[in-house]
Amino acid sequence: MRFVSAILIAAAEEPHRDDNGQIVTHHWLLPEQAEIIYGTISSLLIFALLYKFGAPPIKKGLAGRTERIRAELDASAAALAAAEAEAAEIRQAKGDIEEERLRLLAAAEAEAEALLTDGRARLEVELAELEARAAADLEAAAGRSGDELRSEMIRTAGASLESVVADTLDDATQQDLIESFIARVGAST
């Protein structure tokens, strides 16, 4: 009750007036006593209403904001962990790729060496076969040339012999030679 009466007394005070009738304050910085009382009461009332009705939504909003920030931090930490895991997989895959590349190069070099060795061996076999065939062809050609040469010599000798015999023998001598040859052949059989 005293509080209300103090308010009423402060409100009932007459404002200070100067010589011209203008209202002036008793101090250049501080307001009048009634203004202090009414301002304090209204401020306390507004603060109480804000505390009662404004604080819960503010707390709820701040808590929600905190949860959103926490969720974003957790998501970013999970994304960072996933990115680091993926980077590790990529580094490992790169190492695997390098090992695979080296393995493939070694396999290709081994295969190329095997093909080269196999090709050389086949070339040597083919070369030996070609040399043997060439030697056989040379022998055959030499044999054919010798046979051709013998047959040509025999033919030439036969033609020469006929011509010599025909020139040197007359018909009677030739007839005597034929009969003696027949007689010799008939006696030997």
C-alpha atoms as a PDB file:
ATOM      1  CA  MET A   1       0.000   0.000   0.000  1.00  0.00           C
ATOM      2  CA  ARG A   2       2.815   2.355   0.744  1.00  0.00           C
ATOM      3  CA  PHE A   3       4.114   1.832  -2.750  1.00  0.00           C
ATOM      4  CA  VAL A   4       0.864   2.991  -4.296  1.00  0.00           C
ATOM      5  CA  SER A   5       0.639   5.998  -1.996  1.00  0.00           C
ATOM      6  CA  ALA A   6       4.205   6.962  -2.887  1.00  0.00           C
ATOM      7  CA  ILE A   7       3.245   6.815  -6.510  1.00  0.00           C
ATOM      8  CA  LEU A   8       0.217   8.975  -5.939  1.00  0.00           C
ATOM      9  CA  ILE A   9       2.196  11.518  -3.961  1.00  0.00           C
ATOM     10  CA  ALA A  10       4.837  11.688  -6.650  1.00  0.00           C
ATOM     11  CA  ALA A  11       2.140  12.141  -9.259  1.00  0.00           C
ATOM     12  CA  ALA A  12       0.443  14.877  -7.287  1.00  0.00           C
ATOM     13  CA  GLU A  13       3.533  17.010  -7.123  1.00  0.00           C
ATOM     14  CA  GLU A  14       3.438  20.272  -8.935  1.00  0.00           C
ATOM     15  CA  PRO A  15       5.968  20.675 -11.717  1.00  0.00           C
ATOM     16  CA  HIS A  16       8.557  23.438 -11.313  1.00  0.00           C
ATOM     17  CA  ARG A  17       7.966  26.560 -13.295  1.00  0.00           C
ATOM     18  CA  ASP A  18      10.284  29.370 -14.144  1.00  0.00           C
ATOM     19  CA  ASP A  19       9.507  33.116 -14.120  1.00  0.00           C
ATOM     20  CA  ASN A  20       7.785  32.927 -17.478  1.00  0.00           C
ATOM     21  CA  GLY A  21       5.576  29.984 -16.458  1.00  0.00           C
ATOM     22  CA  GLN A  22       7.495  27.406 -18.387  1.00  0.00           C
ATOM     23  CA  ILE A  23       7.920  23.916 -16.836  1.00  0.00           C
ATOM     24  CA  VAL A  24      11.585  23.253 -16.003  1.00  0.00           C
ATOM     25  CA  THR A  25      13.337  20.371 -14.330  1.00  0.00           C
ATOM     26  CA  HIS A  26      15.207  20.694 -11.091  1.00  0.00           C
ATOM     27  CA  HIS A  27      18.362  19.118 -12.710  1.00  0.00           C
ATOM     28  CA  TRP A  28      19.652  19.345 -16.252  1.00  0.00           C
ATOM     29  CA  LEU A  29      20.335  15.532 -16.497  1.00  0.00           C
ATOM     30  CA  LEU A  30      17.791  13.814 -14.230  1.00  0.00           C
ATOM     31  CA  PRO A  31      14.028  13.706 -14.942  1.00  0.00           C
ATOM     32  CA  GLU A  32      11.379  14.682 -12.445  1.00  0.00           C
ATOM     33  CA  GLN A  33      10.514  12.348  -9.612  1.00  0.00           C
ATOM     34  CA  ALA A  34       7.138  11.324 -11.091  1.00  0.00           C
ATOM     35  CA  GLU A  35       8.745  10.420 -14.395  1.00  0.00           C
ATOM     36  CA  ILE A  36      11.278   8.240 -12.610  1.00  0.00           C
ATOM     37  CA  ILE A  37       8.552   6.435 -10.717  1.00  0.00           C
ATOM     38  CA  TYR A  38       6.248   5.905 -13.704  1.00  0.00           C
ATOM     39  CA  GLY A  39       9.139   4.951 -15.970  1.00  0.00           C
ATOM     40  CA  THR A  40      10.482   2.489 -13.422  1.00  0.00           C
ATOM     41  CA  ILE A  41       7.078   0.859 -12.907  1.00  0.00           C
ATOM     42  CA  SER A  42       6.346   0.619 -16.627  1.00  0.00           C
ATOM     43  CA  SER A  43       9.859  -0.742 -17.311  1.00  0.00           C
ATOM     44  CA  LEU A  44       9.472  -3.354 -14.571  1.00  0.00           C
ATOM     45  CA  LEU A  45       6.051  -4.306 -15.941  1.00  0.00           C
ATOM     46  CA  ILE A  46       7.385  -4.637 -19.508  1.00  0.00           C
ATOM     47  CA  PHE A  47      10.402  -6.632 -18.309  1.00  0.00           C
ATOM     48  CA  ALA A  48       8.119  -8.982 -16.326  1.00  0.00           C
ATOM     49  CA  LEU A  49       5.841  -9.490 -19.344  1.00  0.00           C
ATOM     50  CA  LEU A  50       8.841 -10.076 -21.609  1.00  0.00           C
ATOM     51  CA  TYR A  51      10.295 -12.552 -19.111  1.00  0.00           C
ATOM     52  CA  LYS A  52       7.000 -14.416 -18.760  1.00  0.00           C
ATOM     53  CA  PHE A  53       5.868 -14.434 -22.404  1.00  0.00           C
ATOM     54  CA  GLY A  54       8.957 -13.621 -24.439  1.00  0.00           C
ATOM     55  CA  ALA A  55      11.642 -15.695 -22.744  1.00  0.00           C
ATOM     56  CA  PRO A  56      10.233 -19.178 -23.584  1.00  0.00           C
ATOM     57  CA  PRO A  57      10.038 -18.548 -27.357  1.00  0.00           C
ATOM     58  CA  ILE A  58      13.464 -16.921 -27.277  1.00  0.00           C
ATOM     59  CA  LYS A  59      14.887 -19.895 -25.360  1.00  0.00           C
ATOM     60  CA  LYS A  60      13.126 -22.275 -27.733  1.00  0.00           C
ATOM     61  CA  GLY A  61      14.454 -20.377 -30.760  1.00  0.00           C
ATOM     62  CA  LEU A  62      17.968 -20.320 -29.340  1.00  0.00           C
ATOM     63  CA  ALA A  63      17.765 -24.032 -28.475  1.00  0.00           C
ATOM     64  CA  GLY A  64      16.532 -24.784 -32.008  1.00  0.00           C
ATOM     65  CA  ARG A  65      19.322 -22.693 -33.457  1.00  0.00           C
ATOM     66  CA  THR A  66      21.811 -24.509 -31.259  1.00  0.00           C
ATOM     67  CA  GLU A  67      20.428 -27.866 -32.432  1.00  0.00           C
ATOM     68  CA  ARG A  68      20.577 -26.784 -36.086  1.00  0.00           C
ATOM     69  CA  ILE A  69      24.164 -25.646 -35.654  1.00  0.00           C
ATOM     70  CA  ARG A  70      25.003 -28.891 -33.837  1.00  0.00           C
ATOM     71  CA  ALA A  71      23.323 -30.919 -36.616  1.00  0.00           C
ATOM     72  CA  GLU A  72      25.237 -28.941 -39.255  1.00  0.00           C
ATOM     73  CA  LEU A  73      28.489 -29.496 -37.371  1.00  0.00           C
ATOM     74  CA  ASP A  74      27.743 -33.221 -37.075  1.00  0.00           C
ATOM     75  CA  ALA A  75      26.862 -33.394 -40.770  1.00  0.00           C
ATOM     76  CA  SER A  76      30.007 -31.521 -41.699  1.00  0.00           C
ATOM     77  CA  ALA A  77      32.087 -33.815 -39.459  1.00  0.00           C
ATOM     78  CA  ALA A  78      30.456 -36.845 -41.105  1.00  0.00           C
ATOM     79  CA  ALA A  79      31.078 -35.342 -44.554  1.00  0.00           C
ATOM     80  CA  LEU A  80      34.684 -34.639 -43.604  1.00  0.00           C
ATOM     81  CA  ALA A  81      35.132 -38.216 -42.371  1.00  0.00           C
ATOM     82  CA  ALA A  82      33.532 -39.549 -45.569  1.00  0.00           C
ATOM     83  CA  ALA A  83      35.764 -37.307 -47.679  1.00  0.00           C
ATOM     84  CA  GLU A  84      38.864 -38.439 -45.797  1.00  0.00           C
ATOM     85  CA  ALA A  85      37.801 -42.088 -46.202  1.00  0.00           C
ATOM     86  CA  GLU A  86      37.215 -41.526 -49.909  1.00  0.00           C
ATOM     87  CA  ALA A  87      40.574 -39.770 -50.212  1.00  0.00           C
ATOM     88  CA  ALA A  88      42.220 -42.745 -48.489  1.00  0.00           C
ATOM     89  CA  GLU A  89      40.430 -45.113 -50.885  1.00  0.00           C
ATOM     90  CA  ILE A  90      41.557 -43.013 -53.837  1.00  0.00           C
ATOM     91  CA  ARG A  91      45.139 -43.010 -52.559  1.00  0.00           C
ATOM     92  CA  GLN A  92      44.948 -46.773 -52.056  1.00  0.00           C
ATOM     93  CA  ALA A  93      43.364 -47.229 -55.478  1.00  0.00           C
ATOM     94  CA  LYS A  94      46.093 -45.062 -56.959  1.00  0.00           C
ATOM     95  CA  GLY A  95      48.656 -47.311 -55.305  1.00  0.00           C
ATOM     96  CA  ASP A  96      46.763 -50.344 -56.589  1.00  0.00           C
ATOM     97  CA  ILE A  97      46.663 -48.806 -60.047  1.00  0.00           C
ATOM     98  CA  GLU A  98      50.405 -48.190 -59.909  1.00  0.00           C
ATOM     99  CA  GLU A  99      51.024 -51.785 -58.791  1.00  0.00           C
ATOM    100  CA  GLU A 100      48.663 -53.054 -61.492  1.00  0.00           C
ATOM    101  CA  ARG A 101      50.431 -50.919 -64.090  1.00  0.00           C
ATOM    102  CA  LEU A 102      53.806 -52.299 -63.020  1.00  0.00           C
ATOM    103  CA  ARG A 103      52.426 -55.851 -63.027  1.00  0.00           C
ATOM    104  CA  LEU A 104      50.941 -55.377 -66.503  1.00  0.00           C
ATOM    105  CA  LEU A 105      54.196 -53.885 -67.794  1.00  0.00           C
ATOM    106  CA  ALA A 106      56.170 -56.804 -66.363  1.00  0.00           C
ATOM    107  CA  ALA A 107      53.703 -59.285 -67.875  1.00  0.00           C
ATOM    108  CA  ALA A 108      53.854 -57.500 -71.243  1.00  0.00           C
ATOM    109  CA  GLU A 109      57.662 -57.492 -71.174  1.00  0.00           C
ATOM    110  CA  ALA A 110      57.719 -61.197 -70.297  1.00  0.00           C
ATOM    111  CA  GLU A 111      55.236 -61.964 -73.082  1.00  0.00           C
ATOM    112  CA  ALA A 112      57.228 -59.870 -75.554  1.00  0.00           C
ATOM    113  CA  GLU A 113      60.419 -61.669 -74.551  1.00  0.00           C
ATOM    114  CA  ALA A 114      58.676 -65.048 -74.922  1.00  0.00           C
ATOM    115  CA  LEU A 115      57.331 -64.036 -78.356  1.00  0.00           C
ATOM    116  CA  LEU A 116      60.768 -62.816 -79.371  1.00  0.00           C
ATOM    117  CA  THR A 117      62.423 -66.039 -78.217  1.00  0.00           C
ATOM    118  CA  ASP A 118      59.729 -68.143 -79.874  1.00  0.00           C
ATOM    119  CA  GLY A 119      60.026 -66.098 -83.088  1.00  0.00           C
ATOM    120  CA  ARG A 120      63.805 -66.516 -83.119  1.00  0.00           C
ATOM    121  CA  ALA A 121      63.481 -70.263 -82.582  1.00  0.00           C
ATOM    122  CA  ARG A 122      60.918 -70.547 -85.389  1.00  0.00           C
ATOM    123  CA  LEU A 123      63.112 -68.436 -87.674  1.00  0.00           C
ATOM    124  CA  GLU A 124      66.086 -70.669 -86.953  1.00  0.00           C
ATOM    125  CA  VAL A 125      63.996 -73.788 -87.686  1.00  0.00           C
ATOM    126  CA  GLU A 126      62.600 -72.234 -90.862  1.00  0.00           C
ATOM    127  CA  LEU A 127      66.088 -71.115 -91.881  1.00  0.00           C
ATOM    128  CA  ALA A 128      67.457 -74.624 -91.325  1.00  0.00           C
ATOM    129  CA  GLU A 129      64.560 -76.084 -93.334  1.00  0.00           C
ATOM    130  CA  LEU A 130      65.130 -73.559 -96.120  1.00  0.00           C
ATOM    131  CA  GLU A 131      68.858 -74.330 -96.164  1.00  0.00           C
ATOM    132  CA  ALA A 132      68.133 -78.084 -96.271  1.00  0.00           C
ATOM    133  CA  ARG A 133      65.575 -77.566 -99.042  1.00  0.00           C
ATOM    134  CA  ALA A 134      67.999 -75.342-100.938  1.00  0.00           C
ATOM    135  CA  ALA A 135      70.755 -77.951-100.572  1.00  0.00           C
ATOM    136  CA  ALA A 136      68.351 -80.663-101.759  1.00  0.00           C
ATOM    137  CA  ASP A 137      67.267 -78.447-104.664  1.00  0.00           C
ATOM    138  CA  LEU A 138      70.906 -77.838-105.538  1.00  0.00           C
ATOM    139  CA  GLU A 139      71.642 -81.559-105.441  1.00  0.00           C
ATOM    140  CA  ALA A 140      68.559 -82.283-107.512  1.00  0.00           C
ATOM    141  CA  ALA A 141      69.500 -79.552-109.981  1.00  0.00           C
ATOM    142  CA  ALA A 142      73.039 -80.882-110.125  1.00  0.00           C
ATOM    143  CA  GLY A 143      71.681 -84.405-110.628  1.00  0.00           C
ATOM    144  CA  ARG A 144      69.288 -83.204-113.312  1.00  0.00           C
ATOM    145  CA  SER A 145      72.046 -81.221-114.982  1.00  0.00           C
ATOM    146  CA  GLY A 146      74.324 -84.248-114.861  1.00  0.00           C
ATOM    147  CA  ASP A 147      71.560 -86.470-116.231  1.00  0.00           C
ATOM    148  CA  GLU A 148      70.707 -83.923-118.894  1.00  0.00           C
ATOM    149  CA  LEU A 149      74.357 -83.533-119.704  1.00  0.00           C
ATOM    150  CA  ARG A 150      74.825 -87.349-119.931  1.00  0.00           C
ATOM    151  CA  SER A 151      71.710 -87.743-122.064  1.00  0.00           C
ATOM    152  CA  GLU A 152      72.844 -84.880-124.302  1.00  0.00           C
ATOM    153  CA  MET A 153      76.285 -86.425-124.523  1.00  0.00           C
ATOM    154  CA  ILE A 154      74.786 -89.812-125.321  1.00  0.00           C
ATOM    155  CA  ARG A 155      72.512 -88.321-127.954  1.00  0.00           C
ATOM    156  CA  THR A 156      75.369 -86.296-129.433  1.00  0.00           C
ATOM    157  CA  ALA A 157      77.654 -89.306-129.263  1.00  0.00           C
ATOM    158  CA  GLY A 158      74.983 -91.485-130.870  1.00  0.00           C
ATOM    159  CA  ALA A 159      74.431 -88.945-133.629  1.00  0.00           C
ATOM    160  CA  SER A 160      78.166 -88.570-134.076  1.00  0.00           C
ATOM    161  CA  LEU A 161      78.667 -92.329-134.052  1.00  0.00           C
ATOM    162  CA  GLU A 162      75.950 -92.827-136.615  1.00  0.00           C
ATOM    163  CA  SER A 163      77.426 -90.144-138.771  1.00  0.00           C
ATOM    164  CA  VAL A 164      80.975 -91.546-138.353  1.00  0.00           C
ATOM    165  CA  VAL A 165      79.793 -95.114-138.839  1.00  0.00           C
ATOM    166  CA  ALA A 166      77.711 -94.125-141.815  1.00  0.00           C
ATOM    167  CA  ASP A 167      80.619 -92.248-143.308  1.00  0.00           C
ATOM    168  CA  THR A 168      83.221 -94.926-142.626  1.00  0.00           C
ATOM    169  CA  LEU A 169      81.223 -98.080-143.138  1.00  0.00           C
ATOM    170  CA  ASP A 170      79.768 -99.129-146.311  1.00  0.00           C
ATOM    171  CA  ASP A 171      76.677-101.303-146.619  1.00  0.00           C
ATOM    172  CA  ALA A 172      78.486-104.619-146.732  1.00  0.00           C
ATOM    173  CA  THR A 173      80.624-103.895-143.657  1.00  0.00           C
ATOM    174  CA  GLN A 174      77.631-102.648-141.790  1.00  0.00           C
ATOM    175  CA  GLN A 175      75.751-105.838-142.616  1.00  0.00           C
ATOM    176  CA  ASP A 176      78.642-107.951-141.349  1.00  0.00           C
ATOM    177  CA  LEU A 177      78.770-106.014-138.058  1.00  0.00           C
ATOM    178  CA  ILE A 178      75.059-106.424-137.434  1.00  0.00           C
ATOM    179  CA  GLU A 179      75.208-110.144-138.046  1.00  0.00           C
ATOM    180  CA  SER A 180      78.195-110.590-135.775  1.00  0.00           C
ATOM    181  CA  PHE A 181      76.453-108.604-133.039  1.00  0.00           C
ATOM    182  CA  ILE A 182      73.332-110.786-133.355  1.00  0.00           C
ATOM    183  CA  ALA A 183      75.447-113.885-133.230  1.00  0.00           C
ATOM    184  CA  ARG A 184      77.229-112.707-130.117  1.00  0.00           C
ATOM    185  CA  VAL A 185      74.001-111.789-128.387  1.00  0.00           C
ATOM    186  CA  GLY A 186      72.417-115.088-129.372  1.00  0.00           C
ATOM    187  CA  ALA A 187      75.444-117.037-128.079  1.00  0.00           C
ATOM    188  CA  SER A 188      75.489-115.243-124.752  1.00  0.00           C
ATOM    189  CA  THR A 189      71.853-115.991-123.975  1.00  0.00           C
END
